[in-house]
C-alpha atoms as a PDB file:
ATOM      1  CA  MET A   1       0.000   0.000   0.000  1.00  0.00           C
ATOM      2  CA  LYS A   2       2.855   2.372   0.790  1.00  0.00           C
ATOM      3  CA  ARG A   3       4.312   2.025  -2.686  1.00  0.00           C
ATOM      4  CA  LEU A   4       0.965   2.406  -4.472  1.00  0.00           C
ATOM      5  CA  CYS A   5      -0.006   5.517  -2.550  1.00  0.00           C
ATOM      6  CA  ALA A   6       3.444   7.075  -2.936  1.00  0.00           C
ATOM      7  CA  THR A   7       3.358   6.431  -6.688  1.00  0.00           C
ATOM      8  CA  VAL A   8      -0.036   8.106  -7.082  1.00  0.00           C
ATOM      9  CA  LEU A   9       1.177  11.116  -5.092  1.00  0.00           C
ATOM     10  CA  VAL A  10       4.386  11.526  -7.104  1.00  0.00           C
ATOM     11  CA  PHE A  11       2.525  11.411 -10.417  1.00  0.00           C
ATOM     12  CA  GLU A  12      -0.041  13.810  -9.019  1.00  0.00           C
ATOM     13  CA  ALA A  13       2.755  16.231  -8.055  1.00  0.00           C
ATOM     14  CA  VAL A  14       3.927  16.183 -11.675  1.00  0.00           C
ATOM     15  CA  ILE A  15       0.424  16.953 -12.955  1.00  0.00           C
ATOM     16  CA  ILE A  16       0.005  19.764 -10.423  1.00  0.00           C
ATOM     17  CA  GLY A  17       3.334  21.221 -11.499  1.00  0.00           C
ATOM     18  CA  LEU A  18       2.278  21.086 -15.142  1.00  0.00           C
ATOM     19  CA  ALA A  19      -1.002  22.830 -14.294  1.00  0.00           C
ATOM     20  CA  ILE A  20       0.802  25.916 -12.943  1.00  0.00           C
ATOM     21  CA  PRO A  21       1.851  27.278 -16.363  1.00  0.00           C
ATOM     22  CA  VAL A  22      -1.634  26.545 -17.679  1.00  0.00           C
ATOM     23  CA  ALA A  23      -3.157  28.556 -14.844  1.00  0.00           C
ATOM     24  CA  LEU A  24      -0.798  31.445 -15.536  1.00  0.00           C
ATOM     25  CA  THR A  25      -0.867  31.607 -19.327  1.00  0.00           C
ATOM     26  CA  VAL A  26      -4.156  30.133 -20.478  1.00  0.00           C
ATOM     27  CA  GLN A  27      -6.432  30.977 -17.570  1.00  0.00           C
ATOM     28  CA  HIS A  28      -4.681  34.278 -16.746  1.00  0.00           C
ATOM     29  CA  ALA A  29      -4.769  33.561 -13.025  1.00  0.00           C
ATOM     30  CA  PRO A  30      -2.954  35.997 -10.729  1.00  0.00           C
ATOM     31  CA  LYS A  31       0.711  34.983 -10.930  1.00  0.00           C
ATOM     32  CA  ALA A  32       1.792  34.915  -7.291  1.00  0.00           C
ATOM     33  CA  PRO A  33      -1.254  33.177  -5.755  1.00  0.00           C
ATOM     34  CA  ALA A  34      -1.495  30.590  -8.540  1.00  0.00           C
ATOM     35  CA  ALA A  35       2.213  29.781  -8.444  1.00  0.00           C
ATOM     36  CA  ILE A  36       2.334  29.601  -4.650  1.00  0.00           C
ATOM     37  CA  ALA A  37      -0.800  27.455  -4.382  1.00  0.00           C
ATOM     38  CA  GLY A  38       0.332  25.114  -7.153  1.00  0.00           C
ATOM     39  CA  ALA A  39       3.825  24.776  -5.741  1.00  0.00           C
ATOM     40  CA  ALA A  40       2.467  24.175  -2.237  1.00  0.00           C
ATOM     41  CA  LEU A  41       0.175  21.398  -3.480  1.00  0.00           C
ATOM     42  CA  ALA A  42       2.962  19.785  -5.513  1.00  0.00           C
ATOM     43  CA  VAL A  43       5.403  19.923  -2.594  1.00  0.00           C
ATOM     44  CA  ALA A  44       2.739  18.559  -0.242  1.00  0.00           C
ATOM     45  CA  ALA A  45       2.196  15.614  -2.593  1.00  0.00           C
ATOM     46  CA  VAL A  46       5.926  14.823  -2.671  1.00  0.00           C
ATOM     47  CA  VAL A  47       6.264  15.199   1.110  1.00  0.00           C
ATOM     48  CA  LEU A  48       3.306  12.866   1.642  1.00  0.00           C
ATOM     49  CA  ALA A  49       4.821  10.348  -0.786  1.00  0.00           C
ATOM     50  CA  VAL A  50       8.060  10.338   1.202  1.00  0.00           C
ATOM     51  CA  LEU A  51       6.152  10.227   4.482  1.00  0.00           C
ATOM     52  CA  ALA A  52       4.309   7.082   3.353  1.00  0.00           C
ATOM     53  CA  ARG A  53       7.379   5.041   4.172  1.00  0.00           C
ATOM     54  CA  TRP A  54       7.204   5.826   7.888  1.00  0.00           C
ATOM     55  CA  ARG A  55       3.732   7.210   8.669  1.00  0.00           C
ATOM     56  CA  LEU A  56       1.183   5.543   6.413  1.00  0.00           C
ATOM     57  CA  ARG A  57      -1.812   6.734   8.427  1.00  0.00           C
ATOM     58  CA  TRP A  58      -0.720  10.376   8.113  1.00  0.00           C
ATOM     59  CA  THR A  59      -0.182   9.862   4.411  1.00  0.00           C
ATOM     60  CA  LEU A  60      -3.652   8.397   3.947  1.00  0.00           C
ATOM     61  CA  VAL A  61      -5.316  11.296   5.751  1.00  0.00           C
ATOM     62  CA  GLY A  62      -3.135  13.972   4.160  1.00  0.00           C
ATOM     63  CA  GLY A  63      -3.425  12.392   0.715  1.00  0.00           C
ATOM     64  CA  SER A  64      -7.198  12.297   1.002  1.00  0.00           C
ATOM     65  CA  VAL A  65      -7.288  15.984   1.910  1.00  0.00           C
ATOM     66  CA  LEU A  66      -4.916  16.670  -0.982  1.00  0.00           C
ATOM     67  CA  GLN A  67      -7.319  14.969  -3.391  1.00  0.00           C
ATOM     68  CA  VAL A  68     -10.099  17.349  -2.354  1.00  0.00           C
ATOM     69  CA  LEU A  69      -7.801  20.357  -2.731  1.00  0.00           C
ATOM     70  CA  VAL A  70      -6.642  19.266  -6.183  1.00  0.00           C
ATOM     71  CA  ILE A  71     -10.235  18.853  -7.327  1.00  0.00           C
ATOM     72  CA  ALA A  72     -10.943  22.341  -5.934  1.00  0.00           C
ATOM     73  CA  THR A  73      -8.207  23.780  -8.170  1.00  0.00           C
ATOM     74  CA  GLY A  74     -10.656  23.170 -10.986  1.00  0.00           C
ATOM     75  CA  ALA A  75     -12.087  26.569 -10.065  1.00  0.00           C
ATOM     76  CA  VAL A  76      -8.942  28.079 -11.622  1.00  0.00           C
ATOM     77  CA  VAL A  77      -8.016  25.494 -14.275  1.00  0.00           C
ATOM     78  CA  ALA A  78     -11.196  23.695 -15.334  1.00  0.00           C
ATOM     79  CA  VAL A  79      -9.447  20.537 -16.524  1.00  0.00           C
ATOM     80  CA  MET A  80      -8.252  19.988 -12.938  1.00  0.00           C
ATOM     81  CA  TYR A  81     -11.793  18.971 -11.998  1.00  0.00           C
ATOM     82  CA  PHE A  82     -11.360  16.040 -14.363  1.00  0.00           C
ATOM     83  CA  LEU A  83      -7.723  15.294 -13.503  1.00  0.00           C
ATOM     84  CA  GLY A  84      -8.411  15.665  -9.788  1.00  0.00           C
ATOM     85  CA  ALA A  85     -11.277  13.181 -10.034  1.00  0.00           C
ATOM     86  CA  ILE A  86      -9.036  10.727 -11.893  1.00  0.00           C
ATOM     87  CA  PHE A  87      -6.333  11.003  -9.233  1.00  0.00           C
ATOM     88  CA  ALA A  88      -8.918  10.687  -6.458  1.00  0.00           C
ATOM     89  CA  ALA A  89     -10.125   7.470  -8.094  1.00  0.00           C
ATOM     90  CA  LEU A  90      -6.525   6.257  -8.376  1.00  0.00           C
ATOM     91  CA  TRP A  91      -5.993   7.173  -4.729  1.00  0.00           C
ATOM     92  CA  VAL A  92      -9.010   5.154  -3.558  1.00  0.00           C
ATOM     93  CA  THR A  93      -8.069   2.269  -5.852  1.00  0.00           C
ATOM     94  CA  GLY A  94      -4.504   2.301  -4.520  1.00  0.00           C
ATOM     95  CA  ILE A  95      -5.751   2.113  -0.946  1.00  0.00           C
ATOM     96  CA  LEU A  96      -8.205  -0.700  -1.685  1.00  0.00           C
ATOM     97  CA  LEU A  97      -5.747  -2.738  -3.758  1.00  0.00           C
ATOM     98  CA  GLY A  98      -2.984  -2.109  -1.238  1.00  0.00           C
ATOM     99  CA  ARG A  99      -5.112  -3.422   1.603  1.00  0.00           C
ATOM    100  CA  ARG A 100      -6.121  -6.440  -0.439  1.00  0.00           C
ATOM    101  CA  ALA A 101      -2.487  -7.184  -1.330  1.00  0.00           C
ATOM    102  CA  GLU A 102      -1.416  -6.845   2.304  1.00  0.00           C
ATOM    103  CA  GLU A 103      -4.119  -9.326   3.337  1.00  0.00           C
ATOM    104  CA  VAL A 104      -2.840 -11.821   0.786  1.00  0.00           C
ATOM    105  CA  TRP A 105       0.780 -11.412   1.868  1.00  0.00           C
ATOM    106  CA  THR A 106      -0.014 -11.746   5.601  1.00  0.00           C
ATOM    107  CA  ARG A 107      -1.893 -15.037   5.260  1.00  0.00           C
END
């Protein structure tokens, strides 16, 4: 489960980082707030991915909150509603498959 969740978070950080230039150039969002918010979300995703190795519970809670925040960025970059929903689905799937795999390995 740790590896699945960390992988989803790292890929999500990449997508968030790629959404920053879109917010600035295409959507004409205010530069400082959009860049700071995007960078903060991307850094939070990477920190949570690293944290998964030692504190899985914190990662699960923080990652779930992150999914909601990424979906909320759709208010600035509309495609983030869609991408955020995809990553939220990947997040839930990673948790469910990770738990199932851990059950199999602990038998």
